[in-house]
Amino acid sequence: MHEYSVTVRIAKIACDEAEKAHGRVREIDLVVGDEAGFVGESIQMYFDVVSRGTPCEGARLTIERVRPKLRCSSCGALFEKKPFSFACPLCGGNGTPTEIGREFYVKSVKLEVSDSCT
């Protein structure tokens, strides 16, 4: 359920940009890490609801997933964790958690702006 309040904020950010430019939102690109604690499908569902009647209505929401990575404490390599293992695939060292995969941000907002000079 915490996706609802985040989705309201995403729509507000995009609508504010559209209103400044006197346009409509056509697309919002999000980056969501798998360990960010948000479910992309829920964000999409809530977005369809909260965007009704706003400059975001009908906009496409794209979600770029970021898979979590570990950093090897021996060789420094970044790698995706295999099930039940923290071993580095290059050297066998132990992987430690990183911030990669915890991202959550609006990457871009694409607008449609009408030419008011015509």
PDB file of N, CA and C in Angstrom:
ATOM      1  N   MET A   1       0.808  -1.199   0.000  1.00  0.00           N
ATOM      2  CA  MET A   1       0.000   0.000   0.000  1.00  0.00           C
ATOM      3  C   MET A   1       0.850   1.261   0.000  1.00  0.00           C
ATOM      4  N   HIS A   2       2.135   1.169   0.393  1.00  0.00           N
ATOM      5  CA  HIS A   2       2.971   2.361   0.411  1.00  0.00           C
ATOM      6  C   HIS A   2       3.269   2.877  -0.993  1.00  0.00           C
ATOM      7  N   GLU A   3       2.963   2.070  -2.026  1.00  0.00           N
ATOM      8  CA  GLU A   3       3.129   2.536  -3.400  1.00  0.00           C
ATOM      9  C   GLU A   3       2.173   3.685  -3.715  1.00  0.00           C
ATOM     10  N   TYR A   4       1.026   3.729  -3.045  1.00  0.00           N
ATOM     11  CA  TYR A   4       0.049   4.778  -3.335  1.00  0.00           C
ATOM     12  C   TYR A   4       0.639   6.168  -3.078  1.00  0.00           C
ATOM     13  N   SER A   5       1.204   6.390  -1.896  1.00  0.00           N
ATOM     14  CA  SER A   5       1.718   7.728  -1.577  1.00  0.00           C
ATOM     15  C   SER A   5       2.903   8.094  -2.473  1.00  0.00           C
ATOM     16  N   VAL A   6       3.712   7.130  -2.819  1.00  0.00           N
ATOM     17  CA  VAL A   6       4.835   7.397  -3.725  1.00  0.00           C
ATOM     18  C   VAL A   6       4.320   7.746  -5.118  1.00  0.00           C
ATOM     19  N   THR A   7       3.281   7.055  -5.552  1.00  0.00           N
ATOM     20  CA  THR A   7       2.713   7.313  -6.870  1.00  0.00           C
ATOM     21  C   THR A   7       2.066   8.689  -6.930  1.00  0.00           C
ATOM     22  N   VAL A   8       1.426   9.104  -5.861  1.00  0.00           N
ATOM     23  CA  VAL A   8       0.859  10.457  -5.800  1.00  0.00           C
ATOM     24  C   VAL A   8       1.976  11.482  -5.972  1.00  0.00           C
ATOM     25  N   ARG A   9       3.100  11.240  -5.335  1.00  0.00           N
ATOM     26  CA  ARG A   9       4.247  12.166  -5.430  1.00  0.00           C
ATOM     27  C   ARG A   9       4.819  12.189  -6.851  1.00  0.00           C
ATOM     28  N   ILE A  10       4.916  11.025  -7.477  1.00  0.00           N
ATOM     29  CA  ILE A  10       5.411  10.945  -8.862  1.00  0.00           C
ATOM     30  C   ILE A  10       4.499  11.766  -9.780  1.00  0.00           C
ATOM     31  N   ALA A  11       3.192  11.575  -9.641  1.00  0.00           N
ATOM     32  CA  ALA A  11       2.234  12.317 -10.467  1.00  0.00           C
ATOM     33  C   ALA A  11       2.343  13.816 -10.212  1.00  0.00           C
ATOM     34  N   LYS A  12       2.544  14.213  -8.963  1.00  0.00           N
ATOM     35  CA  LYS A  12       2.674  15.642  -8.634  1.00  0.00           C
ATOM     36  C   LYS A  12       3.904  16.245  -9.295  1.00  0.00           C
ATOM     37  N   ILE A  13       5.025  15.539  -9.224  1.00  0.00           N
ATOM     38  CA  ILE A  13       6.258  16.021  -9.864  1.00  0.00           C
ATOM     39  C   ILE A  13       6.023  16.228 -11.360  1.00  0.00           C
ATOM     40  N   ALA A  14       5.429  15.234 -12.021  1.00  0.00           N
ATOM     41  CA  ALA A  14       5.199  15.322 -13.460  1.00  0.00           C
ATOM     42  C   ALA A  14       4.173  16.390 -13.808  1.00  0.00           C
ATOM     43  N   CYS A  15       3.095  16.474 -13.041  1.00  0.00           N
ATOM     44  CA  CYS A  15       2.063  17.488 -13.304  1.00  0.00           C
ATOM     45  C   CYS A  15       2.601  18.898 -13.117  1.00  0.00           C
ATOM     46  N   ASP A  16       3.434  19.095 -12.102  1.00  0.00           N
ATOM     47  CA  ASP A  16       4.043  20.417 -11.883  1.00  0.00           C
ATOM     48  C   ASP A  16       4.875  20.830 -13.103  1.00  0.00           C
ATOM     49  N   GLU A  17       5.636  19.882 -13.657  1.00  0.00           N
ATOM     50  CA  GLU A  17       6.442  20.174 -14.852  1.00  0.00           C
ATOM     51  C   GLU A  17       5.540  20.517 -16.037  1.00  0.00           C
ATOM     52  N   ALA A  18       4.472  19.768 -16.202  1.00  0.00           N
ATOM     53  CA  ALA A  18       3.547  20.015 -17.305  1.00  0.00           C
ATOM     54  C   ALA A  18       2.878  21.376 -17.168  1.00  0.00           C
ATOM     55  N   GLU A  19       2.472  21.722 -15.963  1.00  0.00           N
ATOM     56  CA  GLU A  19       1.806  23.006 -15.751  1.00  0.00           C
ATOM     57  C   GLU A  19       2.749  24.179 -16.001  1.00  0.00           C
ATOM     58  N   LYS A  20       4.016  24.034 -15.613  1.00  0.00           N
ATOM     59  CA  LYS A  20       5.001  25.093 -15.880  1.00  0.00           C
ATOM     60  C   LYS A  20       5.166  25.321 -17.378  1.00  0.00           C
ATOM     61  N   ALA A  21       5.122  24.235 -18.146  1.00  0.00           N
ATOM     62  CA  ALA A  21       5.330  24.314 -19.592  1.00  0.00           C
ATOM     63  C   ALA A  21       4.023  24.471 -20.366  1.00  0.00           C
ATOM     64  N   HIS A  22       2.903  24.536 -19.645  1.00  0.00           N
ATOM     65  CA  HIS A  22       1.573  24.624 -20.265  1.00  0.00           C
ATOM     66  C   HIS A  22       1.367  23.467 -21.240  1.00  0.00           C
ATOM     67  N   GLY A  23       1.648  22.272 -20.757  1.00  0.00           N
ATOM     68  CA  GLY A  23       1.524  21.094 -21.607  1.00  0.00           C
ATOM     69  C   GLY A  23       0.902  19.925 -20.869  1.00  0.00           C
ATOM     70  N   ARG A  24       1.069  18.752 -21.470  1.00  0.00           N
ATOM     71  CA  ARG A  24       0.568  17.504 -20.899  1.00  0.00           C
ATOM     72  C   ARG A  24       1.725  16.520 -20.806  1.00  0.00           C
ATOM     73  N   VAL A  25       1.634  15.643 -19.837  1.00  0.00           N
ATOM     74  CA  VAL A  25       2.657  14.605 -19.665  1.00  0.00           C
ATOM     75  C   VAL A  25       2.339  13.470 -20.626  1.00  0.00           C
ATOM     76  N   ARG A  26       3.338  13.053 -21.388  1.00  0.00           N
ATOM     77  CA  ARG A  26       3.170  11.929 -22.315  1.00  0.00           C
ATOM     78  C   ARG A  26       3.846  10.670 -21.780  1.00  0.00           C
ATOM     79  N   GLU A  27       4.948  10.845 -21.054  1.00  0.00           N
ATOM     80  CA  GLU A  27       5.656   9.672 -20.541  1.00  0.00           C
ATOM     81  C   GLU A  27       6.459  10.048 -19.300  1.00  0.00           C
ATOM     82  N   ILE A  28       6.478   9.128 -18.354  1.00  0.00           N
ATOM     83  CA  ILE A  28       7.305   9.271 -17.150  1.00  0.00           C
ATOM     84  C   ILE A  28       8.176   8.030 -17.073  1.00  0.00           C
ATOM     85  N   ASP A  29       9.487   8.253 -17.006  1.00  0.00           N
ATOM     86  CA  ASP A  29      10.428   7.149 -16.878  1.00  0.00           C
ATOM     87  C   ASP A  29      10.913   7.084 -15.441  1.00  0.00           C
ATOM     88  N   LEU A  30      10.683   5.928 -14.812  1.00  0.00           N
ATOM     89  CA  LEU A  30      11.125   5.691 -13.439  1.00  0.00           C
ATOM     90  C   LEU A  30      12.267   4.692 -13.422  1.00  0.00           C
ATOM     91  N   VAL A  31      13.115   4.803 -12.429  1.00  0.00           N
ATOM     92  CA  VAL A  31      14.131   3.797 -12.153  1.00  0.00           C
ATOM     93  C   VAL A  31      13.785   3.217 -10.785  1.00  0.00           C
ATOM     94  N   VAL A  32      13.585   1.901 -10.756  1.00  0.00           N
ATOM     95  CA  VAL A  32      13.177   1.234  -9.520  1.00  0.00           C
ATOM     96  C   VAL A  32      14.069   0.017  -9.293  1.00  0.00           C
ATOM     97  N   GLY A  33      14.835   0.064  -8.220  1.00  0.00           N
ATOM     98  CA  GLY A  33      15.657  -1.077  -7.858  1.00  0.00           C
ATOM     99  C   GLY A  33      14.807  -2.192  -7.279  1.00  0.00           C
ATOM    100  N   ASP A  34      15.220  -3.425  -7.543  1.00  0.00           N
ATOM    101  CA  ASP A  34      14.465  -4.577  -7.038  1.00  0.00           C
ATOM    102  C   ASP A  34      14.395  -4.601  -5.513  1.00  0.00           C
ATOM    103  N   GLU A  35      15.348  -3.963  -4.851  1.00  0.00           N
ATOM    104  CA  GLU A  35      15.338  -3.939  -3.386  1.00  0.00           C
ATOM    105  C   GLU A  35      14.883  -2.596  -2.816  1.00  0.00           C
ATOM    106  N   ALA A  36      14.233  -1.781  -3.661  1.00  0.00           N
ATOM    107  CA  ALA A  36      13.746  -0.479  -3.205  1.00  0.00           C
ATOM    108  C   ALA A  36      12.491  -0.620  -2.353  1.00  0.00           C
ATOM    109  N   GLY A  37      11.837  -1.747  -2.452  1.00  0.00           N
ATOM    110  CA  GLY A  37      10.646  -1.976  -1.646  1.00  0.00           C
ATOM    111  C   GLY A  37       9.358  -1.566  -2.325  1.00  0.00           C
ATOM    112  N   PHE A  38       9.402  -1.324  -3.646  1.00  0.00           N
ATOM    113  CA  PHE A  38       8.207  -0.926  -4.376  1.00  0.00           C
ATOM    114  C   PHE A  38       7.927  -1.925  -5.485  1.00  0.00           C
ATOM    115  N   VAL A  39       6.643  -2.171  -5.730  1.00  0.00           N
ATOM    116  CA  VAL A  39       6.221  -3.094  -6.780  1.00  0.00           C
ATOM    117  C   VAL A  39       5.756  -2.269  -7.976  1.00  0.00           C
ATOM    118  N   GLY A  40       6.438  -2.456  -9.098  1.00  0.00           N
ATOM    119  CA  GLY A  40       6.140  -1.680 -10.296  1.00  0.00           C
ATOM    120  C   GLY A  40       4.696  -1.780 -10.747  1.00  0.00           C
ATOM    121  N   GLU A  41       4.115  -2.971 -10.679  1.00  0.00           N
ATOM    122  CA  GLU A  41       2.732  -3.158 -11.111  1.00  0.00           C
ATOM    123  C   GLU A  41       1.763  -2.355 -10.230  1.00  0.00           C
ATOM    124  N   SER A  42       2.075  -2.238  -8.951  1.00  0.00           N
ATOM    125  CA  SER A  42       1.221  -1.448  -8.058  1.00  0.00           C
ATOM    126  C   SER A  42       1.347   0.037  -8.369  1.00  0.00           C
ATOM    127  N   ILE A  43       2.550   0.481  -8.665  1.00  0.00           N
ATOM    128  CA  ILE A  43       2.743   1.886  -9.034  1.00  0.00           C
ATOM    129  C   ILE A  43       1.931   2.195 -10.284  1.00  0.00           C
ATOM    130  N   GLN A  44       1.993   1.304 -11.269  1.00  0.00           N
ATOM    131  CA  GLN A  44       1.232   1.512 -12.501  1.00  0.00           C
ATOM    132  C   GLN A  44      -0.269   1.579 -12.219  1.00  0.00           C
ATOM    133  N   MET A  45      -0.770   0.658 -11.407  1.00  0.00           N
ATOM    134  CA  MET A  45      -2.197   0.623 -11.078  1.00  0.00           C
ATOM    135  C   MET A  45      -2.623   1.927 -10.397  1.00  0.00           C
ATOM    136  N   TYR A  46      -1.852   2.358  -9.396  1.00  0.00           N
ATOM    137  CA  TYR A  46      -2.186   3.589  -8.692  1.00  0.00           C
ATOM    138  C   TYR A  46      -2.046   4.809  -9.598  1.00  0.00           C
ATOM    139  N   PHE A  47      -1.052   4.790 -10.477  1.00  0.00           N
ATOM    140  CA  PHE A  47      -0.853   5.922 -11.378  1.00  0.00           C
ATOM    141  C   PHE A  47      -2.073   6.118 -12.264  1.00  0.00           C
ATOM    142  N   ASP A  48      -2.626   5.032 -12.777  1.00  0.00           N
ATOM    143  CA  ASP A  48      -3.817   5.137 -13.623  1.00  0.00           C
ATOM    144  C   ASP A  48      -4.965   5.801 -12.872  1.00  0.00           C
ATOM    145  N   VAL A  49      -5.040   5.575 -11.564  1.00  0.00           N
ATOM    146  CA  VAL A  49      -6.115   6.156 -10.743  1.00  0.00           C
ATOM    147  C   VAL A  49      -5.805   7.610 -10.390  1.00  0.00           C
ATOM    148  N   VAL A  50      -4.617   7.883  -9.863  1.00  0.00           N
ATOM    149  CA  VAL A  50      -4.321   9.237  -9.368  1.00  0.00           C
ATOM    150  C   VAL A  50      -4.115  10.247 -10.498  1.00  0.00           C
ATOM    151  N   SER A  51      -3.866   9.785 -11.714  1.00  0.00           N
ATOM    152  CA  SER A  51      -3.627  10.721 -12.811  1.00  0.00           C
ATOM    153  C   SER A  51      -4.914  11.190 -13.504  1.00  0.00           C
ATOM    154  N   ARG A  52      -6.030  10.562 -13.192  1.00  0.00           N
ATOM    155  CA  ARG A  52      -7.295  10.961 -13.828  1.00  0.00           C
ATOM    156  C   ARG A  52      -7.596  12.431 -13.579  1.00  0.00           C
ATOM    157  N   GLY A  53      -7.931  13.123 -14.668  1.00  0.00           N
ATOM    158  CA  GLY A  53      -8.300  14.526 -14.557  1.00  0.00           C
ATOM    159  C   GLY A  53      -7.126  15.470 -14.363  1.00  0.00           C
ATOM    160  N   THR A  54      -5.903  14.977 -14.544  1.00  0.00           N
ATOM    161  CA  THR A  54      -4.701  15.803 -14.384  1.00  0.00           C
ATOM    162  C   THR A  54      -3.950  15.861 -15.716  1.00  0.00           C
ATOM    163  N   PRO A  55      -2.931  16.710 -15.822  1.00  0.00           N
ATOM    164  CA  PRO A  55      -2.109  16.719 -17.040  1.00  0.00           C
ATOM    165  C   PRO A  55      -1.349  15.399 -17.275  1.00  0.00           C
ATOM    166  N   CYS A  56      -1.391  14.493 -16.309  1.00  0.00           N
ATOM    167  CA  CYS A  56      -0.739  13.183 -16.445  1.00  0.00           C
ATOM    168  C   CYS A  56      -1.669  12.116 -17.012  1.00  0.00           C
ATOM    169  N   GLU A  57      -2.950  12.413 -17.083  1.00  0.00           N
ATOM    170  CA  GLU A  57      -3.900  11.386 -17.533  1.00  0.00           C
ATOM    171  C   GLU A  57      -3.515  10.886 -18.920  1.00  0.00           C
ATOM    172  N   GLY A  58      -3.450   9.576 -19.058  1.00  0.00           N
ATOM    173  CA  GLY A  58      -3.096   8.954 -20.333  1.00  0.00           C
ATOM    174  C   GLY A  58      -1.610   8.822 -20.580  1.00  0.00           C
ATOM    175  N   ALA A  59      -0.798   9.341 -19.666  1.00  0.00           N
ATOM    176  CA  ALA A  59       0.658   9.252 -19.841  1.00  0.00           C
ATOM    177  C   ALA A  59       1.121   7.808 -19.683  1.00  0.00           C
ATOM    178  N   ARG A  60       2.192   7.493 -20.377  1.00  0.00           N
ATOM    179  CA  ARG A  60       2.783   6.162 -20.261  1.00  0.00           C
ATOM    180  C   ARG A  60       3.820   6.189 -19.150  1.00  0.00           C
ATOM    181  N   LEU A  61       3.745   5.201 -18.297  1.00  0.00           N
ATOM    182  CA  LEU A  61       4.692   5.067 -17.190  1.00  0.00           C
ATOM    183  C   LEU A  61       5.621   3.905 -17.538  1.00  0.00           C
ATOM    184  N   THR A  62       6.903   4.195 -17.676  1.00  0.00           N
ATOM    185  CA  THR A  62       7.869   3.129 -17.944  1.00  0.00           C
ATOM    186  C   THR A  62       8.739   2.955 -16.710  1.00  0.00           C
ATOM    187  N   ILE A  63       9.021   1.706 -16.412  1.00  0.00           N
ATOM    188  CA  ILE A  63       9.795   1.394 -15.211  1.00  0.00           C
ATOM    189  C   ILE A  63      11.029   0.598 -15.606  1.00  0.00           C
ATOM    190  N   GLU A  64      12.179   1.183 -15.343  1.00  0.00           N
ATOM    191  CA  GLU A  64      13.459   0.517 -15.577  1.00  0.00           C
ATOM    192  C   GLU A  64      13.872  -0.156 -14.275  1.00  0.00           C
ATOM    193  N   ARG A  65      13.926  -1.467 -14.292  1.00  0.00           N
ATOM    194  CA  ARG A  65      14.309  -2.222 -13.094  1.00  0.00           C
ATOM    195  C   ARG A  65      15.823  -2.269 -12.969  1.00  0.00           C
ATOM    196  N   VAL A  66      16.292  -2.201 -11.731  1.00  0.00           N
ATOM    197  CA  VAL A  66      17.720  -2.332 -11.457  1.00  0.00           C
ATOM    198  C   VAL A  66      17.901  -3.522 -10.523  1.00  0.00           C
ATOM    199  N   ARG A  67      18.617  -4.507 -11.004  1.00  0.00           N
ATOM    200  CA  ARG A  67      18.865  -5.700 -10.195  1.00  0.00           C
ATOM    201  C   ARG A  67      19.977  -5.409  -9.190  1.00  0.00           C
ATOM    202  N   PRO A  68      19.851  -5.932  -7.983  1.00  0.00           N
ATOM    203  CA  PRO A  68      20.863  -5.688  -6.958  1.00  0.00           C
ATOM    204  C   PRO A  68      22.207  -6.327  -7.319  1.00  0.00           C
ATOM    205  N   LYS A  69      23.259  -5.674  -6.865  1.00  0.00           N
ATOM    206  CA  LYS A  69      24.613  -6.196  -7.101  1.00  0.00           C
ATOM    207  C   LYS A  69      25.380  -6.219  -5.791  1.00  0.00           C
ATOM    208  N   LEU A  70      26.268  -7.168  -5.711  1.00  0.00           N
ATOM    209  CA  LEU A  70      27.205  -7.285  -4.599  1.00  0.00           C
ATOM    210  C   LEU A  70      28.572  -6.859  -5.097  1.00  0.00           C
ATOM    211  N   ARG A  71      29.440  -6.446  -4.171  1.00  0.00           N
ATOM    212  CA  ARG A  71      30.833  -6.118  -4.513  1.00  0.00           C
ATOM    213  C   ARG A  71      31.727  -7.132  -3.809  1.00  0.00           C
ATOM    214  N   CYS A  72      32.613  -7.703  -4.585  1.00  0.00           N
ATOM    215  CA  CYS A  72      33.534  -8.694  -4.028  1.00  0.00           C
ATOM    216  C   CYS A  72      34.537  -7.995  -3.111  1.00  0.00           C
ATOM    217  N   SER A  73      34.680  -8.515  -1.903  1.00  0.00           N
ATOM    218  CA  SER A  73      35.624  -7.918  -0.948  1.00  0.00           C
ATOM    219  C   SER A  73      37.073  -8.249  -1.305  1.00  0.00           C
ATOM    220  N   SER A  74      37.293  -9.211  -2.188  1.00  0.00           N
ATOM    221  CA  SER A  74      38.658  -9.570  -2.594  1.00  0.00           C
ATOM    222  C   SER A  74      39.108  -8.833  -3.853  1.00  0.00           C
ATOM    223  N   CYS A  75      38.319  -8.941  -4.942  1.00  0.00           N
ATOM    224  CA  CYS A  75      38.760  -8.347  -6.214  1.00  0.00           C
ATOM    225  C   CYS A  75      38.012  -7.068  -6.588  1.00  0.00           C
ATOM    226  N   GLY A  76      36.949  -6.737  -5.862  1.00  0.00           N
ATOM    227  CA  GLY A  76      36.214  -5.502  -6.123  1.00  0.00           C
ATOM    228  C   GLY A  76      35.184  -5.580  -7.230  1.00  0.00           C
ATOM    229  N   ALA A  77      35.021  -6.739  -7.845  1.00  0.00           N
ATOM    230  CA  ALA A  77      34.062  -6.879  -8.943  1.00  0.00           C
ATOM    231  C   ALA A  77      32.625  -6.726  -8.437  1.00  0.00           C
ATOM    232  N   LEU A  78      31.771  -6.161  -9.290  1.00  0.00           N
ATOM    233  CA  LEU A  78      30.337  -6.097  -9.017  1.00  0.00           C
ATOM    234  C   LEU A  78      29.680  -7.289  -9.700  1.00  0.00           C
ATOM    235  N   PHE A  79      28.746  -7.928  -9.002  1.00  0.00           N
ATOM    236  CA  PHE A  79      28.077  -9.079  -9.592  1.00  0.00           C
ATOM    237  C   PHE A  79      26.713  -9.281  -8.969  1.00  0.00           C
ATOM    238  N   GLU A  80      25.843  -9.965  -9.716  1.00  0.00           N
ATOM    239  CA  GLU A  80      24.524 -10.317  -9.204  1.00  0.00           C
ATOM    240  C   GLU A  80      24.641 -11.574  -8.360  1.00  0.00           C
ATOM    241  N   LYS A  81      23.980 -11.540  -7.241  1.00  0.00           N
ATOM    242  CA  LYS A  81      24.010 -12.670  -6.305  1.00  0.00           C
ATOM    243  C   LYS A  81      23.273 -13.864  -6.897  1.00  0.00           C
ATOM    244  N   LYS A  82      23.872 -15.011  -6.788  1.00  0.00           N
ATOM    245  CA  LYS A  82      23.229 -16.274  -7.153  1.00  0.00           C
ATOM    246  C   LYS A  82      22.474 -16.778  -5.924  1.00  0.00           C
ATOM    247  N   PRO A  83      21.405 -17.540  -6.127  1.00  0.00           N
ATOM    248  CA  PRO A  83      20.662 -18.067  -4.964  1.00  0.00           C
ATOM    249  C   PRO A  83      21.577 -18.852  -4.008  1.00  0.00           C
ATOM    250  N   PHE A  84      21.447 -18.565  -2.739  1.00  0.00           N
ATOM    251  CA  PHE A  84      22.160 -19.258  -1.659  1.00  0.00           C
ATOM    252  C   PHE A  84      23.678 -19.098  -1.722  1.00  0.00           C
ATOM    253  N   SER A  85      24.165 -18.058  -2.376  1.00  0.00           N
ATOM    254  CA  SER A  85      25.613 -17.874  -2.468  1.00  0.00           C
ATOM    255  C   SER A  85      25.961 -16.389  -2.523  1.00  0.00           C
ATOM    256  N   PHE A  86      27.033 -16.043  -1.834  1.00  0.00           N
ATOM    257  CA  PHE A  86      27.576 -14.689  -1.903  1.00  0.00           C
ATOM    258  C   PHE A  86      28.934 -14.708  -2.592  1.00  0.00           C
ATOM    259  N   ALA A  87      29.304 -15.828  -3.199  1.00  0.00           N
ATOM    260  CA  ALA A  87      30.631 -15.994  -3.791  1.00  0.00           C
ATOM    261  C   ALA A  87      30.761 -15.232  -5.103  1.00  0.00           C
ATOM    262  N   CYS A  88      31.884 -14.553  -5.259  1.00  0.00           N
ATOM    263  CA  CYS A  88      32.200 -13.828  -6.486  1.00  0.00           C
ATOM    264  C   CYS A  88      32.433 -14.849  -7.610  1.00  0.00           C
ATOM    265  N   PRO A  89      31.801 -14.642  -8.760  1.00  0.00           N
ATOM    266  CA  PRO A  89      31.988 -15.581  -9.865  1.00  0.00           C
ATOM    267  C   PRO A  89      33.381 -15.492 -10.496  1.00  0.00           C
ATOM    268  N   LEU A  90      34.125 -14.412 -10.205  1.00  0.00           N
ATOM    269  CA  LEU A  90      35.462 -14.256 -10.783  1.00  0.00           C
ATOM    270  C   LEU A  90      36.563 -14.868  -9.924  1.00  0.00           C
ATOM    271  N   CYS A  91      36.485 -14.620  -8.600  1.00  0.00           N
ATOM    272  CA  CYS A  91      37.587 -15.077  -7.751  1.00  0.00           C
ATOM    273  C   CYS A  91      37.157 -15.944  -6.571  1.00  0.00           C
ATOM    274  N   GLY A  92      35.851 -16.038  -6.335  1.00  0.00           N
ATOM    275  CA  GLY A  92      35.355 -16.841  -5.226  1.00  0.00           C
ATOM    276  C   GLY A  92      35.300 -16.105  -3.902  1.00  0.00           C
ATOM    277  N   GLY A  93      35.716 -14.833  -3.880  1.00  0.00           N
ATOM    278  CA  GLY A  93      35.669 -14.039  -2.651  1.00  0.00           C
ATOM    279  C   GLY A  93      34.230 -13.781  -2.217  1.00  0.00           C
ATOM    280  N   ASN A  94      34.082 -13.234  -1.029  1.00  0.00           N
ATOM    281  CA  ASN A  94      32.749 -12.928  -0.490  1.00  0.00           C
ATOM    282  C   ASN A  94      32.224 -11.612  -1.037  1.00  0.00           C
ATOM    283  N   GLY A  95      30.957 -11.630  -1.459  1.00  0.00           N
ATOM    284  CA  GLY A  95      30.308 -10.418  -1.923  1.00  0.00           C
ATOM    285  C   GLY A  95      29.636  -9.699  -0.767  1.00  0.00           C
ATOM    286  N   THR A  96      29.702  -8.387  -0.797  1.00  0.00           N
ATOM    287  CA  THR A  96      29.043  -7.572   0.217  1.00  0.00           C
ATOM    288  C   THR A  96      27.997  -6.689  -0.462  1.00  0.00           C
ATOM    289  N   PRO A  97      26.901  -6.382   0.247  1.00  0.00           N
ATOM    290  CA  PRO A  97      25.833  -5.579  -0.356  1.00  0.00           C
ATOM    291  C   PRO A  97      26.319  -4.186  -0.774  1.00  0.00           C
ATOM    292  N   THR A  98      25.672  -3.648  -1.796  1.00  0.00           N
ATOM    293  CA  THR A  98      25.914  -2.284  -2.264  1.00  0.00           C
ATOM    294  C   THR A  98      24.567  -1.561  -2.308  1.00  0.00           C
ATOM    295  N   GLU A  99      24.573  -0.333  -2.727  1.00  0.00           N
ATOM    296  CA  GLU A  99      23.332   0.424  -2.897  1.00  0.00           C
ATOM    297  C   GLU A  99      22.689   0.133  -4.251  1.00  0.00           C
ATOM    298  N   ILE A 100      23.397  -0.558  -5.124  1.00  0.00           N
ATOM    299  CA  ILE A 100      22.844  -0.879  -6.442  1.00  0.00           C
ATOM    300  C   ILE A 100      21.665  -1.834  -6.252  1.00  0.00           C
ATOM    301  N   GLY A 101      20.523  -1.427  -6.774  1.00  0.00           N
ATOM    302  CA  GLY A 101      19.306  -2.205  -6.627  1.00  0.00           C
ATOM    303  C   GLY A 101      18.338  -1.600  -5.631  1.00  0.00           C
ATOM    304  N   ARG A 102      18.734  -0.486  -5.022  1.00  0.00           N
ATOM    305  CA  ARG A 102      17.849   0.197  -4.057  1.00  0.00           C
ATOM    306  C   ARG A 102      17.354   1.541  -4.596  1.00  0.00           C
ATOM    307  N   GLU A 103      17.661   1.814  -5.857  1.00  0.00           N
ATOM    308  CA  GLU A 103      17.297   3.085  -6.467  1.00  0.00           C
ATOM    309  C   GLU A 103      15.784   3.246  -6.571  1.00  0.00           C
ATOM    310  N   PHE A 104      15.351   4.485  -6.518  1.00  0.00           N
ATOM    311  CA  PHE A 104      13.956   4.820  -6.803  1.00  0.00           C
ATOM    312  C   PHE A 104      13.908   6.303  -7.120  1.00  0.00           C
ATOM    313  N   TYR A 105      13.732   6.626  -8.405  1.00  0.00           N
ATOM    314  CA  TYR A 105      13.667   8.037  -8.779  1.00  0.00           C
ATOM    315  C   TYR A 105      13.007   8.215 -10.141  1.00  0.00           C
ATOM    316  N   VAL A 106      12.551   9.451 -10.387  1.00  0.00           N
ATOM    317  CA  VAL A 106      12.001   9.822 -11.682  1.00  0.00           C
ATOM    318  C   VAL A 106      13.188  10.179 -12.563  1.00  0.00           C
ATOM    319  N   LYS A 107      13.378   9.402 -13.611  1.00  0.00           N
ATOM    320  CA  LYS A 107      14.500   9.619 -14.527  1.00  0.00           C
ATOM    321  C   LYS A 107      14.192  10.749 -15.508  1.00  0.00           C
ATOM    322  N   SER A 108      12.969  10.751 -16.047  1.00  0.00           N
ATOM    323  CA  SER A 108      12.594  11.816 -16.978  1.00  0.00           C
ATOM    324  C   SER A 108      11.081  11.935 -17.073  1.00  0.00           C
ATOM    325  N   VAL A 109      10.661  13.122 -17.481  1.00  0.00           N
ATOM    326  CA  VAL A 109       9.251  13.402 -17.749  1.00  0.00           C
ATOM    327  C   VAL A 109       9.196  13.995 -19.148  1.00  0.00           C
ATOM    328  N   LYS A 110       8.480  13.320 -20.027  1.00  0.00           N
ATOM    329  CA  LYS A 110       8.349  13.798 -21.415  1.00  0.00           C
ATOM    330  C   LYS A 110       6.997  14.478 -21.554  1.00  0.00           C
ATOM    331  N   LEU A 111       7.043  15.683 -22.095  1.00  0.00           N
ATOM    332  CA  LEU A 111       5.845  16.501 -22.203  1.00  0.00           C
ATOM    333  C   LEU A 111       5.434  16.704 -23.654  1.00  0.00           C
ATOM    334  N   GLU A 112       4.170  17.005 -23.831  1.00  0.00           N
ATOM    335  CA  GLU A 112       3.646  17.478 -25.118  1.00  0.00           C
ATOM    336  C   GLU A 112       3.215  18.917 -24.853  1.00  0.00           C
ATOM    337  N   VAL A 113       3.836  19.824 -25.563  1.00  0.00           N
ATOM    338  CA  VAL A 113       3.547  21.242 -25.356  1.00  0.00           C
ATOM    339  C   VAL A 113       3.026  21.813 -26.667  1.00  0.00           C
ATOM    340  N   SER A 114       1.872  22.458 -26.612  1.00  0.00           N
ATOM    341  CA  SER A 114       1.309  23.052 -27.820  1.00  0.00           C
ATOM    342  C   SER A 114       1.980  24.398 -28.070  1.00  0.00           C
ATOM    343  N   ASP A 115       2.099  24.714 -29.330  1.00  0.00           N
ATOM    344  CA  ASP A 115       2.709  25.986 -29.729  1.00  0.00           C
ATOM    345  C   ASP A 115       1.653  27.078 -29.611  1.00  0.00           C
ATOM    346  N   SER A 116       1.815  27.958 -28.624  1.00  0.00           N
ATOM    347  CA  SER A 116       0.795  28.994 -28.382  1.00  0.00           C
ATOM    348  C   SER A 116       0.889  30.147 -29.358  1.00  0.00           C
ATOM    349  N   CYS A 117       1.871  30.137 -30.258  1.00  0.00           N
ATOM    350  CA  CYS A 117       2.030  31.236 -31.220  1.00  0.00           C
ATOM    351  C   CYS A 117       1.218  31.011 -32.486  1.00  0.00           C
ATOM    352  N   THR A 118       0.578  29.864 -32.648  1.00  0.00           N
ATOM    353  CA  THR A 118      -0.165  29.606 -33.875  1.00  0.00           C
ATOM    354  C   THR A 118      -1.629  29.913 -33.710  1.00  0.00           C
TER     355      THR A 118
END
